[in-house]
Amino acid sequence: MKKSTLRFTLQFEFDLLGLVAPLKDYKMAWLINNTLGIQLVKTDDHRLEFLKQPDLLVSQYIEKKEHGFVQLLRNRSYPGAELAGYLVPELKFVDYFLLLQDYTFDMDINSYIEDLSRSSLIQNVVKLDVTKLKSKENLLTY
């Protein structure tokens, strides 16, 4: 019997911001909504299932756009799990990730960084290169 092999490469067609802010997820979404003038809405928590590790349950907020989305993901899973883990373990210092995908280029990531940096509740905003993350697949929630 002839075997076939399926080969594929994941495409990460979004910009990624790392946010350091010791806030509850609903307060962070509210702050981003007011700062950037968007409407992030709470959706079902994102569950990641691993073979040799406990599952992760991550809070997520999203605003769907005509040609893209804005998504807020908490890096640390809910503490009610067996062992609270991280969505991206190599970036434990980051509290939240803001994913920005826009095929029309209406969103200006530099102005988002400037606006978010002005907030006294956000300690740091960092633009991250998705391709350099080891666990970048964890950011794919769709």
N, C-alpha and C. Protein backbone atom coordinates (compact mmCIF):
# COMPACT_ATOMS: atom_id res chain seq x y z
N MET A 1 0.83 -1.18 0.00
CA MET A 1 0.00 0.00 0.00
C MET A 1 0.89 1.25 0.00
N LYS A 2 0.57 2.17 -0.86
CA LYS A 2 1.34 3.39 -0.98
C LYS A 2 0.93 4.37 0.12
N LYS A 3 1.93 4.97 0.76
CA LYS A 3 1.66 5.94 1.81
C LYS A 3 1.88 7.34 1.26
N SER A 4 1.03 8.22 1.70
CA SER A 4 1.17 9.63 1.33
C SER A 4 1.50 10.43 2.57
N THR A 5 2.27 11.46 2.40
CA THR A 5 2.65 12.32 3.50
C THR A 5 2.09 13.71 3.25
N LEU A 6 1.42 14.23 4.23
CA LEU A 6 0.90 15.59 4.15
C LEU A 6 1.88 16.53 4.80
N ARG A 7 2.33 17.50 4.06
CA ARG A 7 3.26 18.50 4.58
C ARG A 7 2.61 19.87 4.46
N PHE A 8 2.71 20.62 5.52
CA PHE A 8 2.13 21.96 5.48
C PHE A 8 2.96 22.89 6.36
N THR A 9 2.84 24.15 6.08
CA THR A 9 3.49 25.16 6.90
C THR A 9 2.42 26.12 7.40
N LEU A 10 2.50 26.42 8.67
CA LEU A 10 1.55 27.35 9.26
C LEU A 10 1.95 28.77 8.89
N GLN A 11 0.97 29.58 8.63
CA GLN A 11 1.24 30.97 8.31
C GLN A 11 0.72 31.85 9.43
N PHE A 12 1.58 32.70 9.92
CA PHE A 12 1.24 33.60 11.00
C PHE A 12 1.13 35.01 10.42
N GLU A 13 -0.05 35.30 9.90
CA GLU A 13 -0.27 36.57 9.21
C GLU A 13 -0.92 37.58 10.15
N PHE A 14 -0.28 37.82 11.27
CA PHE A 14 -0.77 38.81 12.20
C PHE A 14 0.41 39.45 12.91
N ASP A 15 0.18 40.66 13.41
CA ASP A 15 1.17 41.33 14.24
C ASP A 15 0.88 40.97 15.68
N LEU A 16 1.90 40.95 16.50
CA LEU A 16 1.74 40.52 17.87
C LEU A 16 2.37 41.53 18.82
N LEU A 17 1.57 41.97 19.78
CA LEU A 17 2.05 42.85 20.84
C LEU A 17 2.03 42.08 22.15
N GLY A 18 3.08 42.23 22.93
CA GLY A 18 3.12 41.68 24.28
C GLY A 18 2.86 42.81 25.25
N LEU A 19 1.94 42.59 26.20
CA LEU A 19 1.56 43.61 27.17
C LEU A 19 1.90 43.13 28.57
N VAL A 20 2.60 43.97 29.31
CA VAL A 20 2.89 43.68 30.71
C VAL A 20 1.99 44.59 31.53
N ALA A 21 1.00 43.97 32.18
CA ALA A 21 0.04 44.72 32.99
C ALA A 21 -0.62 43.76 33.97
N PRO A 22 -0.40 43.96 35.26
CA PRO A 22 -0.98 43.05 36.26
C PRO A 22 -2.46 43.38 36.52
N LEU A 23 -3.30 43.13 35.52
CA LEU A 23 -4.73 43.44 35.60
C LEU A 23 -5.54 42.17 35.35
N LYS A 24 -6.77 42.18 35.84
CA LYS A 24 -7.71 41.11 35.50
C LYS A 24 -8.02 41.22 34.01
N ASP A 25 -8.41 40.12 33.39
CA ASP A 25 -8.61 40.12 31.94
C ASP A 25 -9.73 41.06 31.50
N TYR A 26 -10.84 41.14 32.25
CA TYR A 26 -11.92 42.03 31.86
C TYR A 26 -11.51 43.49 31.98
N LYS A 27 -10.67 43.81 32.96
CA LYS A 27 -10.18 45.19 33.12
C LYS A 27 -9.21 45.54 31.99
N MET A 28 -8.41 44.58 31.58
CA MET A 28 -7.47 44.80 30.48
C MET A 28 -8.22 45.03 29.18
N ALA A 29 -9.26 44.23 28.93
CA ALA A 29 -10.06 44.41 27.72
C ALA A 29 -10.74 45.78 27.73
N TRP A 30 -11.27 46.17 28.88
CA TRP A 30 -11.91 47.49 29.00
C TRP A 30 -10.91 48.61 28.72
N LEU A 31 -9.70 48.49 29.27
CA LEU A 31 -8.67 49.49 29.07
C LEU A 31 -8.28 49.60 27.59
N ILE A 32 -8.12 48.46 26.93
CA ILE A 32 -7.76 48.47 25.51
C ILE A 32 -8.90 49.06 24.68
N ASN A 33 -10.13 48.68 24.99
CA ASN A 33 -11.28 49.23 24.28
C ASN A 33 -11.32 50.75 24.37
N ASN A 34 -11.13 51.28 25.57
CA ASN A 34 -11.17 52.73 25.75
C ASN A 34 -9.97 53.43 25.14
N THR A 35 -8.81 52.81 25.21
CA THR A 35 -7.59 53.43 24.69
C THR A 35 -7.56 53.44 23.17
N LEU A 36 -7.93 52.33 22.55
CA LEU A 36 -7.82 52.19 21.10
C LEU A 36 -9.13 52.45 20.36
N GLY A 37 -10.23 52.60 21.09
CA GLY A 37 -11.52 52.84 20.43
C GLY A 37 -12.03 51.63 19.68
N ILE A 38 -11.80 50.44 20.23
CA ILE A 38 -12.29 49.22 19.61
C ILE A 38 -13.29 48.57 20.56
N GLN A 39 -13.86 47.42 20.16
CA GLN A 39 -14.87 46.73 20.95
C GLN A 39 -14.51 45.26 21.12
N LEU A 40 -13.53 44.98 21.97
CA LEU A 40 -13.20 43.60 22.28
C LEU A 40 -14.34 43.00 23.10
N VAL A 41 -14.78 41.81 22.72
CA VAL A 41 -15.89 41.14 23.39
C VAL A 41 -15.40 39.78 23.89
N LYS A 42 -15.79 39.42 25.11
CA LYS A 42 -15.41 38.14 25.70
C LYS A 42 -16.02 37.00 24.89
N THR A 43 -15.20 36.02 24.55
CA THR A 43 -15.67 34.83 23.85
C THR A 43 -15.35 33.62 24.74
N ASP A 44 -15.70 32.45 24.26
CA ASP A 44 -15.39 31.24 25.01
C ASP A 44 -13.89 31.16 25.25
N ASP A 45 -13.54 30.64 26.41
CA ASP A 45 -12.13 30.48 26.72
C ASP A 45 -11.50 29.49 25.75
N HIS A 46 -10.26 29.76 25.42
CA HIS A 46 -9.52 28.92 24.48
C HIS A 46 -8.85 27.78 25.25
N ARG A 47 -9.14 26.54 24.86
CA ARG A 47 -8.57 25.37 25.53
C ARG A 47 -7.51 24.75 24.63
N LEU A 48 -6.34 24.55 25.20
CA LEU A 48 -5.26 23.86 24.50
C LEU A 48 -5.04 22.53 25.19
N GLU A 49 -5.07 21.47 24.41
CA GLU A 49 -4.89 20.13 24.94
C GLU A 49 -3.53 19.61 24.50
N PHE A 50 -2.76 19.12 25.47
CA PHE A 50 -1.43 18.59 25.19
C PHE A 50 -1.40 17.11 25.55
N LEU A 51 -0.48 16.38 24.94
CA LEU A 51 -0.36 14.96 25.23
C LEU A 51 0.28 14.69 26.58
N LYS A 52 1.36 15.39 26.89
CA LYS A 52 2.13 15.08 28.09
C LYS A 52 2.11 16.20 29.12
N GLN A 53 1.24 17.17 28.96
CA GLN A 53 1.14 18.29 29.89
C GLN A 53 -0.32 18.52 30.22
N PRO A 54 -0.59 19.20 31.32
CA PRO A 54 -1.99 19.54 31.62
C PRO A 54 -2.56 20.50 30.57
N ASP A 55 -3.87 20.45 30.39
CA ASP A 55 -4.53 21.36 29.46
C ASP A 55 -4.42 22.80 29.95
N LEU A 56 -4.45 23.72 29.01
CA LEU A 56 -4.46 25.14 29.34
C LEU A 56 -5.82 25.72 28.98
N LEU A 57 -6.33 26.57 29.84
CA LEU A 57 -7.58 27.27 29.59
C LEU A 57 -7.27 28.76 29.66
N VAL A 58 -7.35 29.43 28.52
CA VAL A 58 -6.89 30.81 28.39
C VAL A 58 -8.06 31.72 28.06
N SER A 59 -8.13 32.83 28.75
CA SER A 59 -9.17 33.83 28.51
C SER A 59 -8.89 34.56 27.19
N GLN A 60 -9.96 34.82 26.42
CA GLN A 60 -9.77 35.53 25.16
C GLN A 60 -10.92 36.50 24.89
N TYR A 61 -10.58 37.60 24.29
CA TYR A 61 -11.51 38.64 23.85
C TYR A 61 -11.20 38.91 22.39
N ILE A 62 -12.23 39.21 21.61
CA ILE A 62 -11.99 39.39 20.17
C ILE A 62 -12.92 40.45 19.61
N GLU A 63 -12.42 41.16 18.62
CA GLU A 63 -13.24 42.03 17.78
C GLU A 63 -12.99 41.59 16.35
N LYS A 64 -14.04 41.12 15.71
CA LYS A 64 -13.92 40.71 14.31
C LYS A 64 -14.13 41.92 13.43
N LYS A 65 -13.27 42.06 12.45
CA LYS A 65 -13.37 43.14 11.48
C LYS A 65 -13.73 42.54 10.13
N GLU A 66 -14.05 43.41 9.19
CA GLU A 66 -14.43 42.93 7.86
C GLU A 66 -13.31 42.12 7.22
N HIS A 67 -12.07 42.57 7.41
CA HIS A 67 -10.93 41.89 6.80
C HIS A 67 -9.85 41.62 7.85
N GLY A 68 -10.22 41.00 8.94
CA GLY A 68 -9.24 40.68 9.97
C GLY A 68 -9.87 40.62 11.35
N PHE A 69 -9.03 40.79 12.36
CA PHE A 69 -9.51 40.74 13.74
C PHE A 69 -8.50 41.38 14.67
N VAL A 70 -8.97 41.68 15.87
CA VAL A 70 -8.11 42.07 16.98
C VAL A 70 -8.46 41.11 18.11
N GLN A 71 -7.45 40.49 18.70
CA GLN A 71 -7.71 39.48 19.72
C GLN A 71 -6.78 39.69 20.91
N LEU A 72 -7.35 39.62 22.09
CA LEU A 72 -6.60 39.71 23.33
C LEU A 72 -6.58 38.33 23.98
N LEU A 73 -5.39 37.81 24.24
CA LEU A 73 -5.22 36.51 24.88
C LEU A 73 -4.40 36.68 26.15
N ARG A 74 -4.87 36.07 27.20
CA ARG A 74 -4.10 36.09 28.45
C ARG A 74 -3.01 35.03 28.35
N ASN A 75 -1.80 35.36 28.79
CA ASN A 75 -0.70 34.42 28.67
C ASN A 75 -0.79 33.31 29.71
N ARG A 76 -1.22 33.62 30.90
CA ARG A 76 -1.30 32.63 31.98
C ARG A 76 -2.69 32.00 32.00
N SER A 77 -2.72 30.68 32.12
CA SER A 77 -4.01 29.99 32.16
C SER A 77 -4.67 30.24 33.51
N TYR A 78 -5.93 29.88 33.60
CA TYR A 78 -6.67 30.05 34.85
C TYR A 78 -6.02 29.23 35.95
N PRO A 79 -5.91 29.80 37.15
CA PRO A 79 -5.24 29.08 38.23
C PRO A 79 -6.02 27.88 38.76
N GLY A 80 -7.28 27.71 38.37
CA GLY A 80 -8.08 26.58 38.83
C GLY A 80 -7.64 25.26 38.23
N ALA A 81 -6.82 25.29 37.20
CA ALA A 81 -6.34 24.06 36.57
C ALA A 81 -5.35 23.36 37.49
N GLU A 82 -5.00 22.12 37.15
CA GLU A 82 -4.05 21.37 37.98
C GLU A 82 -2.77 22.17 38.18
N LEU A 83 -2.16 22.54 37.13
CA LEU A 83 -0.98 23.39 37.16
C LEU A 83 -1.21 24.55 36.21
N ALA A 84 -1.21 25.75 36.74
CA ALA A 84 -1.41 26.90 35.88
C ALA A 84 -0.18 27.04 34.98
N GLY A 85 -0.40 27.08 33.69
CA GLY A 85 0.70 27.17 32.75
C GLY A 85 0.62 28.44 31.94
N TYR A 86 1.47 28.53 30.94
CA TYR A 86 1.55 29.71 30.09
C TYR A 86 1.24 29.34 28.65
N LEU A 87 0.56 30.24 27.97
CA LEU A 87 0.27 30.08 26.56
C LEU A 87 1.58 30.06 25.77
N VAL A 88 2.46 30.99 26.08
CA VAL A 88 3.80 31.06 25.46
C VAL A 88 4.81 31.01 26.62
N PRO A 89 5.26 29.82 27.00
CA PRO A 89 6.10 29.67 28.19
C PRO A 89 7.43 30.41 28.14
N GLU A 90 7.96 30.66 26.96
CA GLU A 90 9.24 31.36 26.88
C GLU A 90 9.10 32.86 27.17
N LEU A 91 7.87 33.36 27.26
CA LEU A 91 7.63 34.78 27.57
C LEU A 91 6.76 34.89 28.82
N LYS A 92 7.25 34.35 29.93
CA LYS A 92 6.48 34.36 31.18
C LYS A 92 6.28 35.76 31.74
N PHE A 93 7.12 36.71 31.36
CA PHE A 93 6.98 38.07 31.86
C PHE A 93 5.83 38.82 31.20
N VAL A 94 5.33 38.33 30.07
CA VAL A 94 4.22 38.97 29.34
C VAL A 94 2.91 38.48 29.93
N ASP A 95 2.03 39.43 30.28
CA ASP A 95 0.73 39.08 30.85
C ASP A 95 -0.32 38.82 29.78
N TYR A 96 -0.29 39.59 28.69
CA TYR A 96 -1.30 39.48 27.64
C TYR A 96 -0.65 39.60 26.28
N PHE A 97 -1.32 39.00 25.28
CA PHE A 97 -0.92 39.15 23.89
C PHE A 97 -2.07 39.80 23.14
N LEU A 98 -1.75 40.77 22.31
CA LEU A 98 -2.73 41.42 21.45
C LEU A 98 -2.36 41.07 20.02
N LEU A 99 -3.20 40.26 19.38
CA LEU A 99 -2.99 39.85 18.00
C LEU A 99 -3.76 40.79 17.09
N LEU A 100 -3.10 41.29 16.07
CA LEU A 100 -3.71 42.24 15.14
C LEU A 100 -3.55 41.70 13.72
N GLN A 101 -4.68 41.38 13.10
CA GLN A 101 -4.65 40.94 11.72
C GLN A 101 -5.56 41.87 10.93
N ASP A 102 -5.00 42.48 9.90
CA ASP A 102 -5.76 43.41 9.09
C ASP A 102 -5.21 43.40 7.67
N TYR A 103 -5.98 42.83 6.76
CA TYR A 103 -5.54 42.76 5.37
C TYR A 103 -5.71 44.08 4.63
N THR A 104 -6.47 45.02 5.20
CA THR A 104 -6.68 46.32 4.55
C THR A 104 -5.69 47.37 5.05
N PHE A 105 -4.90 47.04 6.05
CA PHE A 105 -3.89 47.93 6.61
C PHE A 105 -4.50 49.20 7.20
N ASP A 106 -5.73 49.11 7.72
CA ASP A 106 -6.35 50.25 8.39
C ASP A 106 -5.77 50.46 9.78
N MET A 107 -5.34 49.39 10.42
CA MET A 107 -4.78 49.50 11.76
C MET A 107 -3.30 49.88 11.68
N ASP A 108 -2.93 50.86 12.47
CA ASP A 108 -1.53 51.28 12.53
C ASP A 108 -0.94 50.77 13.84
N ILE A 109 -0.11 49.75 13.76
CA ILE A 109 0.41 49.12 14.97
C ILE A 109 1.27 50.08 15.78
N ASN A 110 1.98 50.98 15.12
CA ASN A 110 2.82 51.93 15.85
C ASN A 110 1.99 52.89 16.67
N SER A 111 0.86 53.34 16.14
CA SER A 111 -0.01 54.22 16.94
C SER A 111 -0.65 53.44 18.08
N TYR A 112 -0.96 52.16 17.87
CA TYR A 112 -1.49 51.32 18.95
C TYR A 112 -0.46 51.21 20.08
N ILE A 113 0.80 51.01 19.72
CA ILE A 113 1.86 50.91 20.72
C ILE A 113 1.99 52.21 21.49
N GLU A 114 1.97 53.34 20.79
CA GLU A 114 2.08 54.64 21.45
C GLU A 114 0.90 54.89 22.39
N ASP A 115 -0.31 54.60 21.92
CA ASP A 115 -1.50 54.83 22.74
C ASP A 115 -1.51 53.94 23.98
N LEU A 116 -1.18 52.69 23.83
CA LEU A 116 -1.17 51.77 24.96
C LEU A 116 -0.04 52.11 25.94
N SER A 117 1.09 52.61 25.44
CA SER A 117 2.22 52.96 26.30
C SER A 117 1.90 54.15 27.20
N ARG A 118 0.97 54.99 26.78
CA ARG A 118 0.60 56.16 27.58
C ARG A 118 -0.21 55.81 28.82
N SER A 119 -0.81 54.65 28.82
CA SER A 119 -1.64 54.23 29.96
C SER A 119 -0.76 53.95 31.17
N SER A 120 -1.17 54.47 32.32
CA SER A 120 -0.41 54.24 33.54
C SER A 120 -0.59 52.82 34.08
N LEU A 121 -1.63 52.11 33.63
CA LEU A 121 -1.88 50.75 34.10
C LEU A 121 -1.10 49.69 33.33
N ILE A 122 -0.58 50.07 32.17
CA ILE A 122 0.22 49.13 31.36
C ILE A 122 1.68 49.48 31.57
N GLN A 123 2.45 48.52 32.05
CA GLN A 123 3.85 48.78 32.37
C GLN A 123 4.75 48.75 31.15
N ASN A 124 4.42 47.89 30.17
CA ASN A 124 5.27 47.79 29.00
C ASN A 124 4.48 47.23 27.82
N VAL A 125 4.80 47.73 26.63
CA VAL A 125 4.21 47.23 25.38
C VAL A 125 5.37 46.89 24.45
N VAL A 126 5.39 45.65 23.96
CA VAL A 126 6.49 45.18 23.13
C VAL A 126 5.94 44.57 21.86
N LYS A 127 6.50 44.96 20.72
CA LYS A 127 6.15 44.29 19.46
C LYS A 127 7.02 43.05 19.35
N LEU A 128 6.36 41.92 19.14
CA LEU A 128 7.05 40.64 19.12
C LEU A 128 7.10 40.07 17.71
N ASP A 129 8.16 39.36 17.41
CA ASP A 129 8.29 38.66 16.14
C ASP A 129 7.79 37.23 16.33
N VAL A 130 6.65 36.92 15.75
CA VAL A 130 6.00 35.63 15.94
C VAL A 130 6.89 34.49 15.47
N THR A 131 7.63 34.70 14.40
CA THR A 131 8.42 33.62 13.81
C THR A 131 9.55 33.15 14.73
N LYS A 132 9.94 33.96 15.71
CA LYS A 132 11.04 33.60 16.60
C LYS A 132 10.58 32.90 17.88
N LEU A 133 9.27 32.73 18.05
CA LEU A 133 8.75 32.08 19.25
C LEU A 133 8.72 30.56 19.05
N LYS A 134 9.13 29.83 20.08
CA LYS A 134 9.12 28.36 20.00
C LYS A 134 7.69 27.81 20.00
N SER A 135 6.84 28.39 20.82
CA SER A 135 5.47 27.87 20.95
C SER A 135 4.46 28.78 20.26
N LYS A 136 4.81 29.25 19.08
CA LYS A 136 3.94 30.15 18.32
C LYS A 136 2.63 29.49 17.90
N GLU A 137 2.62 28.17 17.76
CA GLU A 137 1.40 27.46 17.37
C GLU A 137 0.29 27.64 18.40
N ASN A 138 0.64 27.88 19.65
CA ASN A 138 -0.36 28.08 20.70
C ASN A 138 -1.18 29.34 20.47
N LEU A 139 -0.68 30.27 19.68
CA LEU A 139 -1.39 31.52 19.41
C LEU A 139 -2.48 31.37 18.35
N LEU A 140 -2.48 30.25 17.65
CA LEU A 140 -3.50 30.02 16.62
C LEU A 140 -4.76 29.50 17.30
N THR A 141 -5.76 30.34 17.43
CA THR A 141 -6.97 29.98 18.16
C THR A 141 -8.18 29.80 17.26
N TYR A 142 -7.98 29.83 15.96
CA TYR A 142 -9.11 29.70 15.03
C TYR A 142 -8.95 28.51 14.15
